[in-house]
Amino acid sequence: MEELICNVEFLRGSAELVARVSSEAGGVREYRAPSAGAVIDQVINDLQEEFESAPPS
């Protein structure tokens, strides 16, 4: 059975890309960067830290 563990939205602002991440453990947070690669790196690093430190379900 699948379980939703996080939701990620990518939005394009006038001068930057915004990623909005929400998860049960971390709540809702936003990341902003001038390029897609930079904002995606931020999201990856955050989620990797969150899920590596989370207890198994």
N, C-alpha and C. Protein backbone atom coordinates (compact mmCIF):
# COMPACT_ATOMS: atom_id res chain seq x y z
N MET A 1 0.84 -1.17 0.00
CA MET A 1 0.00 0.00 0.00
C MET A 1 0.89 1.25 0.00
N GLU A 2 0.53 2.23 -0.78
CA GLU A 2 1.30 3.47 -0.87
C GLU A 2 0.83 4.47 0.18
N GLU A 3 1.77 5.27 0.64
CA GLU A 3 1.47 6.29 1.64
C GLU A 3 2.14 7.59 1.22
N LEU A 4 1.40 8.67 1.21
CA LEU A 4 1.95 9.97 0.86
C LEU A 4 2.87 10.44 1.99
N ILE A 5 4.14 10.71 1.67
CA ILE A 5 5.08 11.13 2.71
C ILE A 5 5.46 12.61 2.57
N CYS A 6 5.29 13.18 1.38
CA CYS A 6 5.54 14.61 1.22
C CYS A 6 4.89 15.11 -0.07
N ASN A 7 4.74 16.40 -0.13
CA ASN A 7 4.20 17.05 -1.32
C ASN A 7 5.16 18.16 -1.71
N VAL A 8 5.52 18.23 -2.99
CA VAL A 8 6.45 19.26 -3.47
C VAL A 8 5.79 19.99 -4.63
N GLU A 9 5.77 21.33 -4.55
CA GLU A 9 5.26 22.17 -5.62
C GLU A 9 6.38 23.07 -6.11
N PHE A 10 6.49 23.25 -7.40
CA PHE A 10 7.46 24.18 -7.97
C PHE A 10 6.69 25.31 -8.64
N LEU A 11 7.04 26.54 -8.29
CA LEU A 11 6.38 27.73 -8.82
C LEU A 11 7.43 28.64 -9.43
N ARG A 12 7.07 29.31 -10.50
CA ARG A 12 8.01 30.23 -11.13
C ARG A 12 7.62 31.65 -10.75
N GLY A 13 8.54 32.35 -10.08
CA GLY A 13 8.36 33.76 -9.76
C GLY A 13 8.93 34.61 -10.87
N SER A 14 8.92 35.92 -10.69
CA SER A 14 9.42 36.79 -11.75
C SER A 14 10.93 36.66 -11.94
N ALA A 15 11.68 36.43 -10.84
CA ALA A 15 13.13 36.35 -10.96
C ALA A 15 13.71 35.09 -10.32
N GLU A 16 12.84 34.20 -9.86
CA GLU A 16 13.34 33.01 -9.18
C GLU A 16 12.34 31.87 -9.26
N LEU A 17 12.83 30.70 -8.93
CA LEU A 17 11.98 29.53 -8.84
C LEU A 17 11.73 29.26 -7.36
N VAL A 18 10.50 28.89 -7.02
CA VAL A 18 10.12 28.64 -5.64
C VAL A 18 9.69 27.19 -5.52
N ALA A 19 10.17 26.51 -4.51
CA ALA A 19 9.72 25.15 -4.21
C ALA A 19 9.02 25.20 -2.86
N ARG A 20 7.82 24.65 -2.81
CA ARG A 20 7.07 24.57 -1.56
C ARG A 20 6.96 23.10 -1.20
N VAL A 21 7.50 22.74 -0.05
CA VAL A 21 7.53 21.35 0.39
C VAL A 21 6.70 21.22 1.65
N SER A 22 5.87 20.19 1.71
CA SER A 22 5.15 19.93 2.96
C SER A 22 5.25 18.44 3.27
N SER A 23 5.50 18.18 4.56
CA SER A 23 5.55 16.80 5.05
C SER A 23 5.07 16.81 6.49
N GLU A 24 4.67 15.66 6.95
CA GLU A 24 4.18 15.56 8.31
C GLU A 24 5.27 15.93 9.32
N ALA A 25 6.48 15.45 9.09
CA ALA A 25 7.58 15.68 10.03
C ALA A 25 8.10 17.11 9.96
N GLY A 26 8.20 17.67 8.77
CA GLY A 26 8.83 18.98 8.61
C GLY A 26 7.89 20.15 8.44
N GLY A 27 6.60 19.89 8.31
CA GLY A 27 5.65 20.97 8.07
C GLY A 27 5.81 21.53 6.67
N VAL A 28 5.41 22.79 6.51
CA VAL A 28 5.49 23.45 5.20
C VAL A 28 6.68 24.40 5.22
N ARG A 29 7.49 24.33 4.16
CA ARG A 29 8.62 25.25 4.03
C ARG A 29 8.82 25.59 2.56
N GLU A 30 9.48 26.73 2.32
CA GLU A 30 9.74 27.20 0.96
C GLU A 30 11.22 27.40 0.73
N TYR A 31 11.62 27.16 -0.49
CA TYR A 31 13.00 27.39 -0.93
C TYR A 31 12.94 28.25 -2.16
N ARG A 32 13.87 29.17 -2.28
CA ARG A 32 13.92 30.08 -3.43
C ARG A 32 15.34 30.11 -3.98
N ALA A 33 15.44 30.12 -5.30
CA ALA A 33 16.74 30.20 -5.95
C ALA A 33 16.54 30.73 -7.37
N PRO A 34 17.60 31.30 -7.94
CA PRO A 34 17.47 31.84 -9.29
C PRO A 34 17.40 30.78 -10.38
N SER A 35 17.80 29.55 -10.08
CA SER A 35 17.76 28.51 -11.11
C SER A 35 17.05 27.26 -10.59
N ALA A 36 16.54 26.48 -11.52
CA ALA A 36 15.85 25.23 -11.15
C ALA A 36 16.80 24.28 -10.45
N GLY A 37 18.01 24.15 -10.96
CA GLY A 37 18.98 23.24 -10.36
C GLY A 37 19.28 23.58 -8.91
N ALA A 38 19.41 24.88 -8.61
CA ALA A 38 19.73 25.31 -7.25
C ALA A 38 18.58 25.02 -6.29
N VAL A 39 17.35 25.29 -6.70
CA VAL A 39 16.21 25.06 -5.80
C VAL A 39 15.97 23.56 -5.63
N ILE A 40 16.17 22.78 -6.68
CA ILE A 40 16.01 21.33 -6.58
C ILE A 40 17.06 20.75 -5.65
N ASP A 41 18.29 21.24 -5.72
CA ASP A 41 19.34 20.78 -4.79
C ASP A 41 18.95 21.05 -3.35
N GLN A 42 18.37 22.22 -3.07
CA GLN A 42 17.93 22.56 -1.72
C GLN A 42 16.86 21.58 -1.23
N VAL A 43 15.89 21.29 -2.09
CA VAL A 43 14.81 20.37 -1.73
C VAL A 43 15.35 18.97 -1.49
N ILE A 44 16.22 18.50 -2.36
CA ILE A 44 16.81 17.16 -2.21
C ILE A 44 17.55 17.05 -0.89
N ASN A 45 18.40 18.02 -0.59
CA ASN A 45 19.18 17.98 0.64
C ASN A 45 18.29 17.96 1.87
N ASP A 46 17.26 18.80 1.87
CA ASP A 46 16.35 18.87 3.01
C ASP A 46 15.59 17.56 3.20
N LEU A 47 15.03 17.02 2.13
CA LEU A 47 14.27 15.78 2.24
C LEU A 47 15.16 14.60 2.60
N GLN A 48 16.37 14.58 2.07
CA GLN A 48 17.30 13.50 2.41
C GLN A 48 17.60 13.52 3.90
N GLU A 49 17.88 14.69 4.46
CA GLU A 49 18.13 14.81 5.90
C GLU A 49 16.90 14.39 6.70
N GLU A 50 15.73 14.85 6.27
CA GLU A 50 14.49 14.54 7.00
C GLU A 50 14.23 13.04 7.04
N PHE A 51 14.34 12.37 5.90
CA PHE A 51 13.97 10.96 5.85
C PHE A 51 15.07 10.03 6.35
N GLU A 52 16.32 10.48 6.33
CA GLU A 52 17.39 9.65 6.91
C GLU A 52 17.31 9.65 8.43
N SER A 53 16.83 10.75 9.01
CA SER A 53 16.75 10.84 10.47
C SER A 53 15.40 10.38 11.01
N ALA A 54 14.44 10.13 10.14
CA ALA A 54 13.11 9.72 10.59
C ALA A 54 13.12 8.27 11.02
N PRO A 55 12.40 7.95 12.09
CA PRO A 55 12.30 6.54 12.50
C PRO A 55 11.50 5.75 11.47
N PRO A 56 11.81 4.48 11.27
CA PRO A 56 11.05 3.67 10.31
C PRO A 56 9.59 3.55 10.74
N SER A 57 8.71 3.52 9.76
CA SER A 57 7.27 3.42 10.10
C SER A 57 6.78 2.00 10.13
